[in-house]
Amino acid sequence: MTLLIVFVLLAILVSFLCSVFEAVLLSLSAPFIALKEKQGKRSGQILRRLKDNINAPLAAILTLNTISHTIGAAGAGAQAAEVFGSASLGVFSAILTFLILVFSEIIPKTLGALYWQKLAGVTAYCLHYMIILLYPFIKMSDAITGLISSHKPQQGLSRSEFAVMAEVSEQEGHIASDEAKILLNLLQFKETKVRDVMTPRVVVFSADESQTIDEFFEQQDKKHFSRIPVYLDDKEHVTGFVMRMDLLEAKANGEGHRLLAEFRRDIKAVIETTTLTHAFDLCIQERSHILLVIDEYGQTEGIITQEDMVETLFGLEIMDESDRSADLQVVAKRWWQRRSLKLERKQPEATPSQSKSRFSR
């Protein structure tokens, strides 16, 4: 009877520990391991090695689990036949199977999945020594799995998985909605084109560089943009931009007769299909807050500023006291709609004879 109890406990307890270790190992997250490493804990280094080569700890767990099940079940079955007789062996096998299922699979894996953070340290050291003890079996397992597939599992999270993780974290209350929005916008930042964010040409405020400072302030005194694109002859021909502060300083010094062209600064141009990441890097490299957006033929399409890119990243409209509209793209769209409506009204209606001749061709 004593041997029967020993074999049953061996099968259940060893399998219990293996199931806990497996659940904890598969529940470990990369940020948790990185945090342990940053804290200087040795368990963090061990966990990193285990996750980087996850086949080794899994092979150790499955090997030990299989050994315990085989020895425990065989020994318990033999002892049960001696104690209760061979006729009761079927009933004993059913009871043992139920005990192993509940106490070696369901309960330990549930505990490991729920308390994996608290059990991570103990699991790390236990798996470390299990790998050492079962090293020959692990090497054999690696050789067999290597014949099946040499593909290494993907490390870390993909962009789509990271986006889903941000949404789930928001729903579960781990991060605020604003934080989740920023994370999602950051993931889309690389794919967003300049044309999706720029201020369209039709609503860009610009000035003729041949104007004097006095003329500019007389005509546009209510405009308070800090950087103003300037053009030569035609608004399509943007030559650069001027700083409003430079103009105010010159006017205060009695230099209102000077032309805007004398204060013109160079403006870098980007094609409308350029990504925001590239445009933002260009702004940083050139130490510029404004870029000219052109199409593939060199025609002006609009402008984009660092403010536009930051607004896209944070998912909000940054407005100061001089801004009258939150989104100039909306203004541009309304402008085009009104223009299209006017053109439709001006278009003469076709007479019956004209319609007939047109369809008879």
Protein backbone atom coordinates (compact mmCIF):
# COMPACT_ATOMS: atom_id res chain seq x y z
CA MET A 1 0.00 0.00 0.00
CA THR A 2 2.89 2.35 0.80
CA LEU A 3 4.45 1.83 -2.62
CA LEU A 4 1.08 2.49 -4.25
CA ILE A 5 0.79 5.85 -2.52
CA VAL A 6 4.41 6.70 -3.42
CA PHE A 7 3.88 5.93 -7.11
CA VAL A 8 0.62 7.92 -7.24
CA LEU A 9 2.19 10.92 -5.50
CA LEU A 10 5.22 10.69 -7.78
CA ALA A 11 3.04 10.79 -10.88
CA ILE A 12 0.90 13.65 -9.60
CA LEU A 13 3.45 15.90 -7.83
CA VAL A 14 6.14 15.82 -10.51
CA SER A 15 3.55 16.39 -13.22
CA PHE A 16 2.06 19.19 -11.10
CA LEU A 17 5.40 21.03 -11.02
CA CYS A 18 6.02 20.47 -14.72
CA SER A 19 2.61 21.92 -15.58
CA VAL A 20 3.23 24.97 -13.39
CA PHE A 21 6.64 25.56 -14.97
CA GLU A 22 5.19 25.23 -18.47
CA ALA A 23 2.35 27.68 -17.78
CA VAL A 24 4.72 30.22 -16.23
CA LEU A 25 7.24 29.88 -19.07
CA LEU A 26 4.62 30.42 -21.77
CA SER A 27 3.08 33.35 -19.86
CA LEU A 28 6.34 35.30 -19.55
CA SER A 29 6.34 38.57 -21.48
CA ALA A 30 9.35 40.33 -22.98
CA PRO A 31 8.75 43.58 -21.00
CA PHE A 32 8.65 41.61 -17.72
CA ILE A 33 11.97 39.91 -18.49
CA ALA A 34 13.52 43.22 -19.53
CA LEU A 35 12.38 44.77 -16.23
CA LYS A 36 14.00 41.96 -14.23
CA GLU A 37 17.24 42.41 -16.17
CA LYS A 38 17.14 46.16 -15.59
CA GLN A 39 16.74 45.53 -11.86
CA GLY A 40 19.93 43.46 -11.96
CA LYS A 41 18.29 40.21 -10.86
CA ARG A 42 19.96 36.97 -11.94
CA SER A 43 16.56 35.41 -12.54
CA GLY A 44 16.04 37.94 -15.32
CA GLN A 45 19.17 36.74 -17.12
CA ILE A 46 18.08 33.11 -16.76
CA LEU A 47 14.59 33.91 -18.03
CA ARG A 48 16.08 35.69 -21.02
CA ARG A 49 18.12 32.60 -21.94
CA LEU A 50 15.09 30.37 -21.48
CA LYS A 51 12.88 32.52 -23.73
CA ASP A 52 15.58 32.94 -26.38
CA ASN A 53 15.91 29.15 -26.62
CA ILE A 54 12.46 28.07 -25.48
CA ASN A 55 12.80 24.59 -27.01
CA ALA A 56 15.30 23.59 -24.31
CA PRO A 57 13.09 24.25 -21.24
CA LEU A 58 10.04 22.83 -23.01
CA ALA A 59 11.95 19.66 -23.86
CA ALA A 60 13.11 19.37 -20.23
CA ILE A 61 9.56 19.82 -18.93
CA LEU A 62 8.04 17.29 -21.33
CA THR A 63 10.83 14.78 -20.71
CA LEU A 64 10.48 14.89 -16.93
CA ASN A 65 6.68 14.87 -17.18
CA THR A 66 6.70 11.83 -19.45
CA ILE A 67 9.13 9.96 -17.18
CA SER A 68 7.01 10.65 -14.09
CA HIS A 69 3.80 9.61 -15.83
CA THR A 70 5.32 6.43 -17.21
CA ILE A 71 7.01 5.30 -14.00
CA GLY A 72 4.19 6.48 -11.75
CA ALA A 73 1.39 4.94 -13.80
CA ALA A 74 3.22 1.65 -14.33
CA GLY A 75 4.24 1.34 -10.68
CA ALA A 76 0.84 2.41 -9.38
CA GLY A 77 -0.90 -0.04 -11.69
CA ALA A 78 1.28 -2.92 -10.55
CA GLN A 79 0.78 -2.07 -6.89
CA ALA A 80 -2.97 -1.62 -7.36
CA ALA A 81 -3.20 -5.11 -8.86
CA GLU A 82 -1.43 -6.53 -5.82
CA VAL A 83 -3.45 -4.59 -3.25
CA PHE A 84 -6.94 -4.61 -4.80
CA GLY A 85 -6.62 -7.40 -7.29
CA SER A 86 -6.53 -7.35 -11.08
CA ALA A 87 -10.31 -7.10 -11.31
CA SER A 88 -10.25 -3.58 -9.86
CA LEU A 89 -7.44 -2.38 -12.13
CA GLY A 90 -9.87 -0.69 -14.54
CA VAL A 91 -11.54 1.31 -11.78
CA PHE A 92 -8.17 2.30 -10.33
CA SER A 93 -6.93 3.46 -13.76
CA ALA A 94 -10.01 5.64 -14.20
CA ILE A 95 -9.54 7.22 -10.76
CA LEU A 96 -5.82 7.81 -11.36
CA THR A 97 -6.54 9.38 -14.75
CA PHE A 98 -9.04 11.75 -13.14
CA LEU A 99 -6.56 12.70 -10.39
CA ILE A 100 -3.78 13.36 -12.89
CA LEU A 101 -6.10 15.42 -15.10
CA VAL A 102 -7.29 17.63 -12.22
CA PHE A 103 -4.21 17.89 -10.01
CA SER A 104 -1.50 17.63 -12.69
CA GLU A 105 -3.03 19.60 -15.55
CA ILE A 106 -6.01 21.82 -14.80
CA ILE A 107 -5.12 23.19 -11.35
CA PRO A 108 -1.35 23.73 -11.85
CA LYS A 109 -1.69 25.34 -15.28
CA THR A 110 -4.39 27.64 -13.96
CA LEU A 111 -2.16 28.64 -11.04
CA GLY A 112 0.82 29.16 -13.34
CA ALA A 113 -1.17 31.33 -15.73
CA LEU A 114 -2.61 33.45 -12.90
CA TYR A 115 0.49 33.88 -10.72
CA TRP A 116 3.26 33.66 -13.32
CA GLN A 117 4.87 36.91 -12.18
CA LYS A 118 5.28 35.68 -8.60
CA LEU A 119 6.45 32.23 -9.72
CA ALA A 120 8.83 33.47 -12.42
CA GLY A 121 11.90 33.55 -10.16
CA VAL A 122 11.44 30.02 -8.77
CA THR A 123 10.62 28.71 -12.24
CA ALA A 124 13.78 30.23 -13.69
CA TYR A 125 16.10 28.43 -11.26
CA CYS A 126 14.21 25.13 -11.40
CA LEU A 127 14.24 25.03 -15.20
CA HIS A 128 17.91 26.00 -15.22
CA TYR A 129 18.85 22.91 -13.19
CA MET A 130 16.36 20.69 -15.03
CA ILE A 131 18.07 21.54 -18.31
CA ILE A 132 21.45 20.60 -16.82
CA LEU A 133 20.18 17.25 -15.47
CA LEU A 134 18.29 16.32 -18.64
CA TYR A 135 20.83 17.72 -21.10
CA PRO A 136 21.27 14.48 -23.15
CA PHE A 137 17.52 14.18 -23.69
CA ILE A 138 17.30 17.86 -24.66
CA LYS A 139 20.07 17.50 -27.26
CA MET A 140 18.29 14.48 -28.71
CA SER A 141 15.04 16.46 -28.83
CA ASP A 142 16.78 19.38 -30.56
CA ALA A 143 18.21 17.03 -33.18
CA ILE A 144 14.80 15.53 -33.90
CA THR A 145 12.99 18.87 -34.09
CA GLY A 146 15.81 20.23 -36.26
CA LEU A 147 15.03 17.56 -38.85
CA ILE A 148 11.39 18.60 -38.90
CA SER A 149 11.87 22.36 -39.15
CA SER A 150 14.79 24.77 -39.01
CA HIS A 151 12.51 27.82 -38.83
CA LYS A 152 13.03 29.90 -35.71
CA PRO A 153 9.92 31.37 -34.06
CA GLN A 154 9.41 35.10 -34.41
CA GLN A 155 10.80 37.08 -31.50
CA GLY A 156 8.84 39.98 -30.06
CA LEU A 157 5.57 41.46 -31.30
CA SER A 158 4.59 42.46 -34.82
CA ARG A 159 3.11 45.89 -35.50
CA SER A 160 -0.43 44.50 -35.73
CA GLU A 161 0.01 42.55 -32.48
CA PHE A 162 1.35 45.65 -30.75
CA ALA A 163 -1.69 47.63 -31.94
CA VAL A 164 -4.08 44.97 -30.63
CA MET A 165 -2.16 44.88 -27.34
CA ALA A 166 -2.63 48.64 -26.96
CA GLU A 167 -6.37 48.35 -27.59
CA VAL A 168 -6.74 45.43 -25.16
CA SER A 169 -4.70 47.25 -22.50
CA GLU A 170 -7.02 50.25 -22.86
CA GLN A 171 -10.12 48.06 -22.53
CA GLU A 172 -8.71 46.37 -19.43
CA GLY A 173 -7.81 49.71 -17.87
CA HIS A 174 -4.03 49.26 -17.83
CA ILE A 175 -3.45 52.40 -19.92
CA ALA A 176 -5.54 55.51 -20.53
CA SER A 177 -7.43 56.06 -23.78
CA ASP A 178 -5.14 58.97 -24.70
CA GLU A 179 -2.09 56.76 -24.22
CA ALA A 180 -3.60 54.04 -26.41
CA LYS A 181 -4.40 56.62 -29.09
CA ILE A 182 -0.79 57.85 -29.11
CA LEU A 183 0.53 54.30 -29.41
CA LEU A 184 -1.78 53.55 -32.34
CA ASN A 185 -0.92 56.84 -34.04
CA LEU A 186 2.77 56.09 -33.57
CA LEU A 187 2.37 52.74 -35.32
CA GLN A 188 0.58 54.46 -38.22
CA PHE A 189 3.04 57.36 -38.33
CA LYS A 190 5.46 55.45 -40.56
CA GLU A 191 2.74 54.65 -43.12
CA THR A 192 1.06 58.07 -43.20
CA LYS A 193 1.86 60.26 -46.20
CA VAL A 194 2.57 63.97 -46.16
CA ARG A 195 -0.46 64.67 -48.37
CA ASP A 196 -2.74 63.27 -45.64
CA VAL A 197 -1.57 65.83 -43.10
CA MET A 198 -0.42 68.89 -45.06
CA THR A 199 -2.20 72.24 -45.22
CA PRO A 200 -3.61 72.35 -48.79
CA ARG A 201 -2.41 75.07 -51.16
CA VAL A 202 -5.83 76.73 -51.43
CA VAL A 203 -5.82 77.74 -47.76
CA VAL A 204 -2.10 78.42 -47.34
CA PHE A 205 -1.49 82.03 -46.36
CA SER A 206 1.41 83.41 -48.41
CA ALA A 207 2.79 86.78 -49.45
CA ASP A 208 4.44 88.32 -52.50
CA GLU A 209 8.13 88.72 -51.81
CA SER A 210 8.19 91.95 -53.83
CA GLN A 211 6.07 93.65 -51.15
CA THR A 212 7.60 95.97 -48.63
CA ILE A 213 7.22 95.28 -44.94
CA ASP A 214 4.88 98.24 -44.55
CA GLU A 215 2.69 97.04 -47.43
CA PHE A 216 2.56 93.56 -45.96
CA PHE A 217 1.35 94.71 -42.55
CA GLU A 218 -1.15 97.13 -44.08
CA GLN A 219 -2.77 94.32 -46.07
CA GLN A 220 -2.27 91.38 -43.72
CA ASP A 221 -2.10 92.90 -40.27
CA LYS A 222 -4.65 90.45 -38.86
CA LYS A 223 -2.66 87.39 -39.92
CA HIS A 224 -0.49 86.07 -37.11
CA PHE A 225 1.35 83.12 -38.64
CA SER A 226 4.93 82.88 -37.42
CA ARG A 227 6.29 81.48 -40.71
CA ILE A 228 4.89 82.87 -43.95
CA PRO A 229 5.64 81.33 -47.37
CA VAL A 230 6.60 83.91 -50.01
CA TYR A 231 6.23 83.64 -53.77
CA LEU A 232 7.41 85.43 -56.88
CA ASP A 233 4.71 86.63 -59.31
CA ASP A 234 2.59 83.48 -58.86
CA LYS A 235 1.50 81.67 -55.70
CA GLU A 236 2.55 78.44 -57.38
CA HIS A 237 6.13 79.69 -57.42
CA VAL A 238 7.05 79.54 -53.73
CA THR A 239 10.59 80.78 -53.23
CA GLY A 240 10.92 80.40 -49.46
CA PHE A 241 9.42 81.78 -46.28
CA VAL A 242 9.86 84.72 -43.93
CA MET A 243 9.70 84.89 -40.16
CA ARG A 244 7.06 87.24 -38.84
CA MET A 245 9.37 88.11 -35.95
CA ASP A 246 12.05 89.29 -38.40
CA LEU A 247 9.53 91.54 -40.13
CA LEU A 248 8.27 93.01 -36.85
CA GLU A 249 11.81 93.67 -35.70
CA ALA A 250 12.69 95.39 -38.97
CA LYS A 251 9.52 97.50 -38.85
CA ALA A 252 10.30 98.52 -35.26
CA ASN A 253 13.76 99.63 -36.42
CA GLY A 254 12.26 101.88 -39.10
CA GLU A 255 13.03 99.52 -41.99
CA GLY A 256 9.47 99.15 -43.23
CA HIS A 257 10.58 100.10 -46.75
CA ARG A 258 12.60 96.91 -47.19
CA LEU A 259 11.25 94.08 -49.34
CA LEU A 260 10.14 90.73 -47.96
CA ALA A 261 12.62 89.09 -50.33
CA GLU A 262 15.46 90.49 -48.23
CA PHE A 263 14.26 88.40 -45.27
CA ARG A 264 13.48 85.27 -47.26
CA ARG A 265 14.75 81.97 -45.94
CA ASP A 266 15.13 78.76 -47.91
CA ILE A 267 12.38 76.17 -47.66
CA LYS A 268 12.95 72.49 -48.28
CA ALA A 269 10.53 70.64 -50.55
CA VAL A 270 9.18 67.10 -50.23
CA ILE A 271 7.00 65.10 -52.59
CA GLU A 272 3.44 64.56 -51.38
CA THR A 273 3.96 60.78 -51.19
CA THR A 274 6.77 61.18 -48.65
CA THR A 275 6.10 59.49 -45.31
CA LEU A 276 5.76 61.55 -42.15
CA THR A 277 8.75 59.74 -40.64
CA HIS A 278 11.01 60.92 -43.46
CA ALA A 279 9.56 64.44 -43.39
CA PHE A 280 10.03 64.70 -39.62
CA ASP A 281 13.64 63.49 -39.90
CA LEU A 282 14.25 66.10 -42.60
CA CYS A 283 12.90 68.85 -40.34
CA ILE A 284 15.24 67.76 -37.56
CA GLN A 285 18.28 67.50 -39.84
CA GLU A 286 17.67 70.85 -41.51
CA ARG A 287 16.49 72.50 -38.27
CA SER A 288 13.40 73.67 -40.10
CA HIS A 289 9.82 73.84 -38.87
CA ILE A 290 8.16 74.10 -42.29
CA LEU A 291 8.38 72.14 -45.55
CA LEU A 292 6.96 72.79 -49.00
CA VAL A 293 4.89 69.92 -50.42
CA ILE A 294 5.02 69.35 -54.18
CA ASP A 295 3.64 66.74 -56.56
CA GLU A 296 5.66 64.55 -58.92
CA TYR A 297 5.71 67.37 -61.49
CA GLY A 298 7.03 69.98 -59.09
CA GLN A 299 3.72 71.81 -58.64
CA THR A 300 2.99 73.22 -55.19
CA GLU A 301 0.41 71.18 -53.27
CA GLY A 302 0.67 72.77 -49.83
CA ILE A 303 2.88 73.04 -46.79
CA ILE A 304 3.49 70.89 -43.73
CA THR A 305 4.92 71.94 -40.40
CA GLN A 306 6.31 70.14 -37.38
CA GLU A 307 3.12 71.13 -35.60
CA ASP A 308 1.08 69.17 -38.16
CA MET A 309 3.20 66.06 -37.56
CA VAL A 310 3.03 66.36 -33.78
CA GLU A 311 -0.76 66.78 -34.00
CA THR A 312 -0.93 63.58 -36.04
CA LEU A 313 1.15 61.72 -33.48
CA PHE A 314 -0.87 62.87 -30.48
CA GLY A 315 -4.22 62.70 -32.27
CA LEU A 316 -5.32 66.24 -31.43
CA GLU A 317 -5.31 69.73 -32.86
CA ILE A 318 -2.75 72.05 -31.27
CA MET A 319 -4.21 75.55 -31.45
CA ASP A 320 -2.83 78.80 -30.16
CA GLU A 321 -4.63 82.09 -29.67
CA SER A 322 -4.14 83.07 -33.33
CA ASP A 323 -5.68 79.93 -34.84
CA ARG A 324 -9.25 80.36 -36.06
CA SER A 325 -9.75 76.92 -37.55
CA ALA A 326 -8.81 73.61 -35.99
CA ASP A 327 -8.19 71.87 -39.33
CA LEU A 328 -7.33 73.75 -42.50
CA GLN A 329 -7.86 70.57 -44.53
CA VAL A 330 -11.55 70.78 -43.65
CA VAL A 331 -11.55 74.43 -44.71
CA ALA A 332 -9.92 73.48 -48.01
CA LYS A 333 -12.51 70.79 -48.62
CA ARG A 334 -15.36 73.26 -48.04
CA TRP A 335 -13.63 75.73 -50.37
CA TRP A 336 -13.50 73.15 -53.16
CA GLN A 337 -17.13 72.18 -52.58
CA ARG A 338 -18.28 75.80 -52.85
CA ARG A 339 -16.17 76.30 -55.97
CA SER A 340 -17.61 73.16 -57.60
CA LEU A 341 -21.14 74.31 -56.75
CA LYS A 342 -20.51 77.71 -58.36
CA LEU A 343 -19.16 76.07 -61.52
CA GLU A 344 -22.23 73.83 -61.75
CA ARG A 345 -24.53 76.85 -61.45
CA LYS A 346 -22.64 78.74 -64.16
CA GLN A 347 -22.71 75.77 -66.56
CA PRO A 348 -25.52 76.35 -69.16
CA GLU A 349 -28.16 73.68 -69.42
CA ALA A 350 -28.24 71.80 -72.72
CA THR A 351 -31.23 72.47 -75.01
CA PRO A 352 -33.33 69.56 -76.27
CA SER A 353 -31.79 69.85 -79.73
CA GLN A 354 -28.26 69.80 -78.29
CA SER A 355 -29.08 66.76 -76.18
CA LYS A 356 -30.53 64.98 -79.17
CA SER A 357 -27.54 65.72 -81.39
CA ARG A 358 -25.13 64.64 -78.66
CA PHE A 359 -26.78 61.25 -78.19
CA SER A 360 -27.24 60.67 -81.89
CA ARG A 361 -23.48 60.75 -82.58
